[in-house]
Amino acid sequence: MIKLREQHEALEHTQLDARAQKVSLSKGRRLEEESCPIRTDYQRDRDRITHSKAFRRLKHKTQVFLSPEGDHYRTRLTHTLEVSQIARTIANALNYNIDLTEAIALGHDLGHTPFGHCGEERLNKIHPGGFKHNIQSLRVVDYLERGNHSIYGLNLTYEVRDGILNHNGPDLPITLEGQIVKICDRIAYLNHDIDDAIRAGVLSDEQIPESIRLSLGKSHGQRINTLILDLIENSYGKDGISMSDEKFEAFNELRKFMFEKVYLNKEAKKEEARAEYIVESLYNHFLEHPDDMPDERAADYHAGEKQEAVKDYVASMSDRYAVNIYKEIFIPKFWLY
């Protein structure tokens, strides 16, 4: 057989930027395994993520608006795909490792709870030790998605795992590819949340401050294009990924504006109290009735993980699954007809 993987790995050293992460220089997997004859390790990581159950569940997990009426609102899955697309564009322009970039982007939100950030906030309040979706995303790929490696989950490479963990929070990923995903996550959600907020009637184009419109653009596409071009120009040939001072200031102004007008808006958050109540009710129920959980999580509970097992189960739920389980447990059946 033609040694396609070896050829690809050799080409990375001659064709990618010197700062790019080369797959042959990876710190490897926690459990050593035989290499694929066709795909590199980063390509295999990408494929393992896209074939995982956690990835499929993202299609029914909220981005910002809970239970929106309409087919065009973003979900956690479409957000993930938008992050991947933007990050690939930047990595390609900077001549960095696209396979690594894509794997990190596709896996970065696997640990998100049902009901968006309000589900995360509720679990963070009630679970001992708190809850952060980036830490849970790493737990998903390291343990909860068993795959063929029951002890090591999907057994991903170190660089992909690092990028997933550090896409959020104060620490930078160790690779420039991971740093690209970290900033593209914010570019994606700020801009598509504007789009969804306008669709929901929570926001209008005219409300966006003129300073932001002049600096970043007046439309969804213009803003993303401006930020992509600025990131590429400001990061080219450098050891870090960053925007220019002007665009970074406008970007932060946009983020502040979105918190004031959308993320903390009563209309956008009107269902959140009920959603948080569902999350907490389910968490408390399964603490008292662990055998109501699927076999794997019940086994974890009885093996001593207890709250950790319950947290894993509740966090894994899609919005609709959480609602249906809540109805099944707490709502008398005759009330449903």
Protein backbone atom coordinates (compact mmCIF):
# COMPACT_ATOMS: atom_id res chain seq x y z
CA MET A 1 0.00 0.00 0.00
CA ILE A 2 1.15 3.55 -0.77
CA LYS A 3 2.35 5.18 2.42
CA LEU A 4 -0.08 8.08 2.27
CA ARG A 5 0.15 9.01 5.94
CA GLU A 6 3.96 9.13 5.88
CA GLN A 7 3.86 11.29 2.75
CA HIS A 8 1.44 13.72 4.38
CA GLU A 9 3.55 13.92 7.53
CA ALA A 10 6.69 14.63 5.47
CA LEU A 11 4.91 17.35 3.48
CA GLU A 12 3.94 19.16 6.68
CA HIS A 13 7.63 19.80 7.40
CA THR A 14 8.24 21.33 3.98
CA GLN A 15 4.93 23.10 3.32
CA LEU A 16 3.65 24.38 6.68
CA ASP A 17 4.95 27.46 8.49
CA ALA A 18 7.83 26.78 10.85
CA ARG A 19 5.57 27.75 13.78
CA ALA A 20 2.83 25.30 12.80
CA GLN A 21 2.35 22.16 14.84
CA LYS A 22 3.54 19.10 12.90
CA VAL A 23 1.68 15.88 13.56
CA SER A 24 4.91 13.86 13.57
CA LEU A 25 6.07 16.02 16.52
CA SER A 26 2.91 15.42 18.54
CA LYS A 27 3.27 14.47 22.18
CA GLY A 28 1.08 11.54 21.25
CA ARG A 29 -1.83 9.73 22.82
CA ARG A 30 -2.19 8.58 26.41
CA LEU A 31 -2.55 5.02 25.15
CA GLU A 32 -0.19 4.13 22.32
CA GLU A 33 -1.91 2.58 19.31
CA GLU A 34 -1.07 1.49 15.80
CA SER A 35 -1.02 4.30 13.24
CA CYS A 36 -3.50 4.49 10.40
CA PRO A 37 -1.94 3.84 6.97
CA ILE A 38 -3.94 6.68 5.38
CA ARG A 39 -4.82 9.32 7.98
CA THR A 40 -2.56 11.28 10.29
CA ASP A 41 -3.29 11.26 14.02
CA TYR A 42 -4.94 14.70 13.86
CA GLN A 43 -7.18 13.55 11.02
CA ARG A 44 -8.16 10.50 13.06
CA ASP A 45 -8.93 12.72 16.04
CA ARG A 46 -11.20 14.86 13.87
CA ASP A 47 -13.02 11.77 12.61
CA ARG A 48 -13.41 10.29 16.09
CA ILE A 49 -14.99 13.51 17.30
CA THR A 50 -17.43 13.82 14.39
CA HIS A 51 -18.53 10.18 14.82
CA SER A 52 -19.09 10.55 18.57
CA LYS A 53 -22.51 10.55 20.22
CA ALA A 54 -21.66 13.79 22.03
CA PHE A 55 -21.12 15.53 18.69
CA ARG A 56 -24.49 14.38 17.37
CA ARG A 57 -26.26 15.62 20.50
CA LEU A 58 -25.07 19.17 19.83
CA LYS A 59 -27.78 19.58 17.19
CA HIS A 60 -30.41 19.68 19.96
CA LYS A 61 -28.50 21.86 22.44
CA THR A 62 -29.30 25.54 22.78
CA GLN A 63 -26.90 28.27 21.72
CA VAL A 64 -28.62 31.38 23.17
CA PHE A 65 -32.36 31.28 22.63
CA LEU A 66 -34.25 28.48 24.38
CA SER A 67 -36.87 26.65 22.27
CA PRO A 68 -36.83 29.21 19.44
CA GLU A 69 -39.63 29.12 16.91
CA GLY A 70 -37.97 28.94 13.51
CA ASP A 71 -35.57 26.79 11.55
CA HIS A 72 -32.73 29.28 11.25
CA TYR A 73 -31.62 29.84 14.83
CA ARG A 74 -28.19 28.52 15.73
CA THR A 75 -27.73 25.41 17.82
CA ARG A 76 -24.58 24.29 19.56
CA LEU A 77 -23.83 22.16 16.49
CA THR A 78 -24.15 24.96 13.94
CA HIS A 79 -22.04 27.16 16.21
CA THR A 80 -19.37 24.46 16.24
CA LEU A 81 -19.40 24.22 12.46
CA GLU A 82 -19.11 28.01 12.11
CA VAL A 83 -16.14 28.07 14.49
CA SER A 84 -14.52 25.31 12.46
CA GLN A 85 -15.05 27.15 9.17
CA ILE A 86 -13.64 30.45 10.44
CA ALA A 87 -10.70 28.76 12.15
CA ARG A 88 -9.85 26.68 9.06
CA THR A 89 -9.82 29.84 6.92
CA ILE A 90 -7.36 31.56 9.25
CA ALA A 91 -5.16 28.49 9.72
CA ASN A 92 -4.99 27.99 5.97
CA ALA A 93 -4.05 31.62 5.34
CA LEU A 94 -1.31 31.50 7.99
CA ASN A 95 -0.14 28.11 6.69
CA TYR A 96 -0.74 26.33 9.98
CA ASN A 97 -2.02 22.81 10.56
CA ILE A 98 -5.62 22.70 9.32
CA ASP A 99 -6.24 19.13 10.54
CA LEU A 100 -5.31 20.05 14.11
CA THR A 101 -7.31 23.27 13.94
CA GLU A 102 -10.41 21.45 12.71
CA ALA A 103 -10.18 18.68 15.31
CA ILE A 104 -9.98 21.22 18.17
CA ALA A 105 -12.82 23.31 16.75
CA LEU A 106 -15.16 20.35 16.29
CA GLY A 107 -14.50 19.08 19.82
CA HIS A 108 -14.41 22.32 21.77
CA ASP A 109 -18.05 22.37 22.95
CA LEU A 110 -18.79 18.66 23.43
CA GLY A 111 -19.20 19.20 27.18
CA HIS A 112 -21.88 21.86 26.97
CA THR A 113 -25.02 21.35 29.03
CA PRO A 114 -28.62 21.48 27.87
CA PHE A 115 -30.17 24.97 27.76
CA GLY A 116 -27.00 26.81 26.87
CA HIS A 117 -25.07 28.82 29.42
CA CYS A 118 -27.94 28.91 31.92
CA GLY A 119 -27.65 25.11 32.25
CA GLU A 120 -23.92 25.51 32.79
CA GLU A 121 -24.46 28.23 35.40
CA ARG A 122 -26.94 26.10 37.33
CA LEU A 123 -24.65 23.06 37.40
CA ASN A 124 -21.79 25.32 38.42
CA LYS A 125 -23.84 26.44 41.45
CA ILE A 126 -25.08 23.05 42.62
CA HIS A 127 -22.27 20.64 41.73
CA PRO A 128 -19.42 20.31 44.25
CA GLY A 129 -16.32 21.81 42.70
CA GLY A 130 -18.36 23.72 40.14
CA PHE A 131 -18.82 23.11 36.44
CA LYS A 132 -17.03 24.51 33.38
CA HIS A 133 -17.97 23.33 29.92
CA ASN A 134 -14.38 23.30 28.64
CA ILE A 135 -13.32 20.96 31.45
CA GLN A 136 -16.37 18.81 30.75
CA SER A 137 -15.53 18.76 27.03
CA LEU A 138 -12.15 17.24 27.89
CA ARG A 139 -13.87 14.71 30.18
CA VAL A 140 -16.17 13.75 27.32
CA VAL A 141 -13.29 12.88 24.97
CA ASP A 142 -11.08 11.44 27.72
CA TYR A 143 -13.65 9.21 29.38
CA LEU A 144 -17.35 9.48 28.62
CA GLU A 145 -17.08 8.69 24.91
CA ARG A 146 -15.69 5.21 25.33
CA GLY A 147 -15.03 4.32 21.67
CA ASN A 148 -12.57 1.45 21.42
CA HIS A 149 -10.58 2.69 24.41
CA SER A 150 -12.75 2.23 27.48
CA ILE A 151 -10.13 3.64 29.83
CA TYR A 152 -9.02 6.57 27.67
CA GLY A 153 -12.22 7.58 25.90
CA LEU A 154 -11.47 8.60 22.32
CA ASN A 155 -7.74 8.54 23.14
CA LEU A 156 -7.04 11.82 21.36
CA THR A 157 -3.65 13.40 20.89
CA TYR A 158 -2.23 15.76 23.49
CA GLU A 159 -2.49 18.85 21.29
CA VAL A 160 -6.18 18.32 20.48
CA ARG A 161 -6.98 17.68 24.13
CA ASP A 162 -5.08 20.83 25.15
CA GLY A 163 -6.92 22.93 22.56
CA ILE A 164 -10.30 21.65 23.74
CA LEU A 165 -9.50 22.32 27.40
CA ASN A 166 -8.05 25.79 26.88
CA HIS A 167 -10.45 27.13 24.24
CA ASN A 168 -12.09 28.88 27.20
CA GLY A 169 -10.62 30.32 30.38
CA PRO A 170 -7.44 32.23 31.18
CA ASP A 171 -4.84 29.81 29.77
CA LEU A 172 -3.70 29.84 26.15
CA PRO A 173 -3.49 26.58 24.20
CA ILE A 174 0.07 25.43 23.62
CA THR A 175 -0.34 25.44 19.82
CA LEU A 176 -1.08 28.36 17.55
CA GLU A 177 -3.83 26.24 16.03
CA GLY A 178 -5.48 26.04 19.43
CA GLN A 179 -5.11 29.80 19.86
CA ILE A 180 -6.88 30.31 16.54
CA VAL A 181 -9.85 28.24 17.71
CA LYS A 182 -9.99 30.11 21.02
CA ILE A 183 -10.47 33.49 19.35
CA CYS A 184 -12.64 32.13 16.52
CA ASP A 185 -15.07 30.76 19.09
CA ARG A 186 -15.72 34.34 20.22
CA ILE A 187 -15.82 35.74 16.70
CA ALA A 188 -18.42 33.16 15.74
CA TYR A 189 -20.75 33.42 18.71
CA LEU A 190 -20.77 37.22 18.96
CA ASN A 191 -21.66 37.60 15.30
CA HIS A 192 -24.16 34.79 14.93
CA ASP A 193 -25.82 35.78 18.21
CA ILE A 194 -26.43 39.23 16.69
CA ASP A 195 -28.08 37.49 13.74
CA ASP A 196 -30.29 35.37 16.01
CA ALA A 197 -31.15 38.31 18.27
CA ILE A 198 -32.32 40.34 15.27
CA ARG A 199 -34.37 37.35 14.08
CA ALA A 200 -35.93 37.07 17.55
CA GLY A 201 -36.82 40.76 17.66
CA VAL A 202 -34.55 41.36 20.65
CA LEU A 203 -32.17 43.56 18.67
CA SER A 204 -32.14 45.66 15.50
CA ASP A 205 -29.27 46.56 13.20
CA GLU A 206 -29.77 50.23 14.05
CA GLN A 207 -29.02 49.59 17.73
CA ILE A 208 -25.47 48.45 17.04
CA PRO A 209 -23.24 51.43 17.95
CA GLU A 210 -21.97 53.41 14.98
CA SER A 211 -18.36 53.07 16.19
CA ILE A 212 -18.64 49.27 15.88
CA ARG A 213 -20.35 49.49 12.49
CA LEU A 214 -17.63 51.78 11.15
CA SER A 215 -14.78 49.64 12.49
CA LEU A 216 -16.08 46.10 11.90
CA GLY A 217 -18.81 46.45 9.29
CA LYS A 218 -22.56 46.82 9.03
CA SER A 219 -23.50 43.22 8.25
CA HIS A 220 -22.82 39.75 9.64
CA GLY A 221 -20.57 38.89 6.70
CA GLN A 222 -18.69 42.17 6.78
CA ARG A 223 -17.91 41.88 10.49
CA ILE A 224 -16.61 38.33 10.20
CA ASN A 225 -14.58 39.16 7.10
CA THR A 226 -13.06 42.22 8.80
CA LEU A 227 -12.04 40.22 11.87
CA ILE A 228 -10.63 37.34 9.82
CA LEU A 229 -8.52 39.65 7.66
CA ASP A 230 -7.31 41.60 10.68
CA LEU A 231 -6.32 38.44 12.55
CA ILE A 232 -4.42 37.12 9.56
CA GLU A 233 -2.60 40.39 8.92
CA ASN A 234 -1.77 40.96 12.59
CA SER A 235 -0.67 37.35 13.26
CA TYR A 236 1.29 36.64 10.09
CA GLY A 237 4.88 35.72 10.88
CA LYS A 238 4.37 36.14 14.62
CA ASP A 239 4.49 33.74 17.56
CA GLY A 240 0.92 34.42 18.71
CA ILE A 241 -2.58 34.95 17.36
CA SER A 242 -4.02 38.41 17.94
CA MET A 243 -6.00 41.28 16.46
CA SER A 244 -4.79 44.82 15.90
CA ASP A 245 -5.41 47.21 18.78
CA GLU A 246 -8.14 49.03 16.84
CA LYS A 247 -10.14 45.89 15.96
CA PHE A 248 -9.61 44.38 19.40
CA GLU A 249 -11.07 47.50 21.00
CA ALA A 250 -14.08 47.38 18.67
CA PHE A 251 -14.47 43.65 19.27
CA ASN A 252 -14.54 44.18 23.05
CA GLU A 253 -17.03 47.01 22.59
CA LEU A 254 -19.23 44.61 20.60
CA ARG A 255 -18.96 41.98 23.33
CA LYS A 256 -19.97 44.51 26.00
CA PHE A 257 -22.88 45.66 23.84
CA MET A 258 -24.10 42.06 23.39
CA PHE A 259 -24.06 41.41 27.12
CA GLU A 260 -26.08 44.52 27.79
CA LYS A 261 -28.61 44.10 24.99
CA VAL A 262 -28.86 40.33 24.45
CA TYR A 263 -27.18 38.00 26.93
CA LEU A 264 -28.74 39.77 29.91
CA ASN A 265 -31.92 40.74 28.06
CA LYS A 266 -35.13 39.64 29.81
CA GLU A 267 -36.74 38.59 26.52
CA ALA A 268 -33.81 36.38 25.59
CA LYS A 269 -33.64 34.95 29.12
CA LYS A 270 -37.35 34.64 29.89
CA GLU A 271 -37.34 30.82 29.87
CA GLU A 272 -34.06 30.41 31.73
CA ALA A 273 -35.53 30.14 35.25
CA ARG A 274 -37.60 27.14 34.15
CA ALA A 275 -34.65 25.59 32.36
CA GLU A 276 -32.43 25.97 35.43
CA TYR A 277 -35.16 24.44 37.57
CA ILE A 278 -35.28 21.40 35.27
CA VAL A 279 -31.50 20.96 35.46
CA GLU A 280 -31.44 21.19 39.25
CA SER A 281 -34.48 18.91 39.67
CA LEU A 282 -32.92 16.23 37.47
CA TYR A 283 -29.57 16.52 39.25
CA ASN A 284 -31.17 16.08 42.67
CA HIS A 285 -33.39 13.23 41.50
CA PHE A 286 -30.53 11.16 40.13
CA LEU A 287 -28.47 11.73 43.27
CA GLU A 288 -31.27 10.00 45.16
CA HIS A 289 -32.14 7.49 42.44
CA PRO A 290 -28.88 6.64 40.64
CA ASP A 291 -30.26 3.45 39.14
CA ASP A 292 -32.64 5.57 37.06
CA MET A 293 -29.58 6.63 35.05
CA PRO A 294 -28.20 4.61 32.11
CA ASP A 295 -26.07 1.62 33.09
CA GLU A 296 -22.70 3.33 32.49
CA ARG A 297 -23.49 6.34 34.66
CA ALA A 298 -25.12 4.19 37.34
CA ALA A 299 -21.99 2.01 37.38
CA ASP A 300 -19.84 5.14 37.80
CA TYR A 301 -22.08 6.27 40.67
CA HIS A 302 -21.78 2.97 42.52
CA ALA A 303 -18.03 2.89 41.86
CA GLY A 304 -17.75 5.98 44.05
CA GLU A 305 -18.11 8.88 41.62
CA LYS A 306 -21.65 9.74 42.78
CA GLN A 307 -22.07 13.50 42.10
CA GLU A 308 -19.60 13.28 39.22
CA ALA A 309 -21.65 10.56 37.56
CA VAL A 310 -24.87 12.53 38.01
CA LYS A 311 -23.24 15.67 36.63
CA ASP A 312 -21.97 13.73 33.62
CA TYR A 313 -25.43 12.42 32.85
CA VAL A 314 -27.30 15.71 33.25
CA ALA A 315 -24.66 17.68 31.33
CA SER A 316 -24.83 15.22 28.44
CA MET A 317 -28.54 15.74 27.83
CA SER A 318 -29.93 17.64 24.89
CA ASP A 319 -32.60 20.23 25.63
CA ARG A 320 -35.49 18.07 24.43
CA TYR A 321 -34.18 14.96 26.17
CA ALA A 322 -33.92 16.86 29.48
CA VAL A 323 -37.49 18.13 29.12
CA ASN A 324 -38.80 14.66 28.25
CA ILE A 325 -37.00 13.02 31.17
CA TYR A 326 -38.31 15.73 33.49
CA LYS A 327 -41.87 15.09 32.28
CA GLU A 328 -41.43 11.35 32.72
CA ILE A 329 -40.20 11.70 36.30
CA PHE A 330 -42.15 14.64 37.68
CA ILE A 331 -45.35 15.16 35.66
CA PRO A 332 -48.27 12.80 36.26
CA LYS A 333 -49.07 11.11 32.97
CA PHE A 334 -52.76 12.06 33.00
CA TRP A 335 -51.72 15.75 32.99
CA LEU A 336 -50.01 15.23 29.65
CA TYR A 337 -53.17 14.29 27.79
